[in-house]
C-alpha atoms as a PDB file:
ATOM      1  CA  UNK A   1    -104.968  22.106 -15.465  1.00  0.00           C
ATOM      2  CA  UNK A   2    -101.552  22.943 -14.080  1.00  0.00           C
ATOM      3  CA  UNK A   3     -98.629  20.572 -13.753  1.00  0.00           C
ATOM      4  CA  UNK A   4     -96.043  21.106 -11.007  1.00  0.00           C
ATOM      5  CA  UNK A   5     -93.083  19.225  -9.592  1.00  0.00           C
ATOM      6  CA  UNK A   6     -92.807  18.646  -5.854  1.00  0.00           C
ATOM      7  CA  UNK A   7     -89.958  17.066  -3.924  1.00  0.00           C
ATOM      8  CA  UNK A   8     -90.755  14.588  -1.080  1.00  0.00           C
ATOM      9  CA  UNK A   9     -87.955  12.654   0.596  1.00  0.00           C
ATOM     10  CA  UNK A  10     -85.476  13.772  -2.002  1.00  0.00           C
ATOM     11  CA  UNK A  11     -87.535  12.520  -4.944  1.00  0.00           C
ATOM     12  CA  UNK A  12     -89.304  14.651  -7.480  1.00  0.00           C
ATOM     13  CA  UNK A  13     -92.946  13.962  -8.277  1.00  0.00           C
ATOM     14  CA  UNK A  14     -94.990  15.453 -11.059  1.00  0.00           C
ATOM     15  CA  UNK A  15     -98.433  16.495  -9.823  1.00  0.00           C
ATOM     16  CA  UNK A  16    -101.441  17.741 -11.734  1.00  0.00           C
ATOM     17  CA  UNK A  17    -103.661  20.331 -10.016  1.00  0.00           C
ATOM     18  CA  UNK A  18    -106.216  22.937 -10.765  1.00  0.00           C
ATOM     19  CA  UNK A  19    -105.003  26.338 -11.996  1.00  0.00           C
ATOM     20  CA  UNK A  20    -104.236  28.517  -8.982  1.00  0.00           C
ATOM     21  CA  UNK A  21    -103.663  25.564  -6.676  1.00  0.00           C
ATOM     22  CA  UNK A  22     -99.940  25.241  -7.308  1.00  0.00           C
ATOM     23  CA  UNK A  23     -98.798  27.024  -4.142  1.00  0.00           C
ATOM     24  CA  UNK A  24    -101.180  24.989  -1.906  1.00  0.00           C
ATOM     25  CA  UNK A  25     -99.942  21.704  -3.391  1.00  0.00           C
ATOM     26  CA  UNK A  26     -96.300  22.807  -2.887  1.00  0.00           C
ATOM     27  CA  UNK A  27     -97.127  23.718   0.770  1.00  0.00           C
ATOM     28  CA  UNK A  28     -98.800  20.307   1.290  1.00  0.00           C
ATOM     29  CA  UNK A  29     -95.831  18.490  -0.261  1.00  0.00           C
ATOM     30  CA  UNK A  30     -93.451  20.462   1.977  1.00  0.00           C
ATOM     31  CA  UNK A  31     -95.569  19.401   5.018  1.00  0.00           C
ATOM     32  CA  UNK A  32     -95.480  15.782   3.972  1.00  0.00           C
ATOM     33  CA  UNK A  33     -91.727  15.996   3.357  1.00  0.00           C
ATOM     34  CA  UNK A  34     -91.255  17.541   6.890  1.00  0.00           C
ATOM     35  CA  UNK A  35     -93.252  14.553   8.416  1.00  0.00           C
ATOM     36  CA  UNK A  36     -91.098  12.093   6.521  1.00  0.00           C
ATOM     37  CA  UNK A  37     -87.880  13.936   7.677  1.00  0.00           C
ATOM     38  CA  UNK A  38     -89.094  13.727  11.255  1.00  0.00           C
ATOM     39  CA  UNK A  39     -89.800  10.036  10.970  1.00  0.00           C
ATOM     40  CA  UNK A  40     -86.401   9.417   9.431  1.00  0.00           C
ATOM     41  CA  UNK A  41     -84.840  11.384  12.319  1.00  0.00           C
ATOM     42  CA  UNK A  42     -86.493   9.265  14.982  1.00  0.00           C
ATOM     43  CA  UNK A  43     -86.779   5.869  13.223  1.00  0.00           C
ATOM     44  CA  UNK A  44     -84.050   5.939  10.630  1.00  0.00           C
ATOM     45  CA  UNK A  45     -84.497   5.356   6.930  1.00  0.00           C
ATOM     46  CA  UNK A  46     -87.151   2.548   6.679  1.00  0.00           C
ATOM     47  CA  UNK A  47     -87.502   2.805   2.901  1.00  0.00           C
ATOM     48  CA  UNK A  48     -89.758   5.018   0.882  1.00  0.00           C
ATOM     49  CA  UNK A  49     -92.846   2.840   1.060  1.00  0.00           C
ATOM     50  CA  UNK A  50     -92.859   2.511   4.835  1.00  0.00           C
ATOM     51  CA  UNK A  51     -92.045   6.151   5.326  1.00  0.00           C
ATOM     52  CA  UNK A  52     -94.865   7.273   3.089  1.00  0.00           C
ATOM     53  CA  UNK A  53     -97.348   4.990   4.903  1.00  0.00           C
ATOM     54  CA  UNK A  54     -96.166   6.164   8.284  1.00  0.00           C
ATOM     55  CA  UNK A  55     -96.377   9.791   7.228  1.00  0.00           C
ATOM     56  CA  UNK A  56     -99.878   9.217   5.966  1.00  0.00           C
ATOM     57  CA  UNK A  57    -100.840   7.657   9.287  1.00  0.00           C
ATOM     58  CA  UNK A  58     -99.238  10.552  11.328  1.00  0.00           C
ATOM     59  CA  UNK A  59    -101.055  13.127   9.193  1.00  0.00           C
ATOM     60  CA  UNK A  60    -104.353  11.194   9.443  1.00  0.00           C
ATOM     61  CA  UNK A  61    -103.960  11.111  13.233  1.00  0.00           C
ATOM     62  CA  UNK A  62    -103.399  14.887  13.219  1.00  0.00           C
ATOM     63  CA  UNK A  63    -106.574  15.297  11.165  1.00  0.00           C
ATOM     64  CA  UNK A  64    -108.484  12.931  13.485  1.00  0.00           C
ATOM     65  CA  UNK A  65    -107.441  14.971  16.570  1.00  0.00           C
ATOM     66  CA  UNK A  66    -108.288  18.250  14.892  1.00  0.00           C
ATOM     67  CA  UNK A  67    -111.782  16.953  14.132  1.00  0.00           C
ATOM     68  CA  UNK A  68    -112.208  15.774  17.693  1.00  0.00           C
ATOM     69  CA  UNK A  69    -111.082  19.131  19.039  1.00  0.00           C
ATOM     70  CA  UNK A  70    -113.448  20.957  16.656  1.00  0.00           C
ATOM     71  CA  UNK A  71    -116.272  18.886  18.009  1.00  0.00           C
ATOM     72  CA  UNK A  72    -116.968  16.872  14.908  1.00  0.00           C
ATOM     73  CA  UNK A  73    -118.044  13.364  15.625  1.00  0.00           C
ATOM     74  CA  UNK A  74    -115.404  10.698  15.138  1.00  0.00           C
ATOM     75  CA  UNK A  75    -116.168   7.031  15.117  1.00  0.00           C
ATOM     76  CA  UNK A  76    -114.733   5.404  18.281  1.00  0.00           C
ATOM     77  CA  UNK A  77    -114.258   2.032  16.701  1.00  0.00           C
ATOM     78  CA  UNK A  78    -113.546   1.170  13.108  1.00  0.00           C
ATOM     79  CA  UNK A  79    -115.679  -1.627  11.803  1.00  0.00           C
ATOM     80  CA  UNK A  80    -114.012  -4.758  10.371  1.00  0.00           C
ATOM     81  CA  UNK A  81    -115.128  -3.630   6.896  1.00  0.00           C
ATOM     82  CA  UNK A  82    -113.411  -0.337   7.307  1.00  0.00           C
ATOM     83  CA  UNK A  83    -110.358  -1.854   8.804  1.00  0.00           C
ATOM     84  CA  UNK A  84    -110.096  -4.207   5.860  1.00  0.00           C
ATOM     85  CA  UNK A  85    -110.514  -1.296   3.499  1.00  0.00           C
ATOM     86  CA  UNK A  86    -107.759   0.637   5.229  1.00  0.00           C
ATOM     87  CA  UNK A  87    -105.473  -2.338   5.133  1.00  0.00           C
ATOM     88  CA  UNK A  88    -106.296  -2.750   1.366  1.00  0.00           C
ATOM     89  CA  UNK A  89    -105.528   0.948   0.819  1.00  0.00           C
ATOM     90  CA  UNK A  90    -102.174   0.694   2.741  1.00  0.00           C
ATOM     91  CA  UNK A  91    -101.211  -2.203   0.477  1.00  0.00           C
ATOM     92  CA  UNK A  92    -102.134  -0.194  -2.607  1.00  0.00           C
ATOM     93  CA  UNK A  93    -100.068   2.766  -1.283  1.00  0.00           C
ATOM     94  CA  UNK A  94     -97.056   0.443  -0.756  1.00  0.00           C
ATOM     95  CA  UNK A  95     -97.478  -0.981  -4.266  1.00  0.00           C
ATOM     96  CA  UNK A  96     -97.623   2.519  -5.745  1.00  0.00           C
ATOM     97  CA  UNK A  97     -94.609   3.614  -3.733  1.00  0.00           C
ATOM     98  CA  UNK A  98     -92.764   0.542  -5.059  1.00  0.00           C
ATOM     99  CA  UNK A  99     -93.702   1.366  -8.603  1.00  0.00           C
ATOM    100  CA  UNK A 100     -92.487   4.947  -8.093  1.00  0.00           C
ATOM    101  CA  UNK A 101     -89.238   3.698  -6.597  1.00  0.00           C
ATOM    102  CA  UNK A 102     -88.575   1.556  -9.677  1.00  0.00           C
ATOM    103  CA  UNK A 103     -88.844   4.550 -12.000  1.00  0.00           C
END
């Protein structure tokens, strides 16, 4: 297992990945960083937690649209259970981002 360091929003993060996946992880991190930079440019600096959550939502929206374009079925409405799970996950992401900010 490989260990690399990526920089997102000016912060360095240590990431484990499979051998040979280092370049892909670096490319993905650069993409996330570019999304955060775009959000900061249009919305200002909202803090790391919110920027990470917004970037995740923007990237998820891109994936959703790509799946729709490719003809893969996408659920039109998210059930209450899924909405609650997404809200729970967003809270966990914010907590993790807060933990990362404190270190």
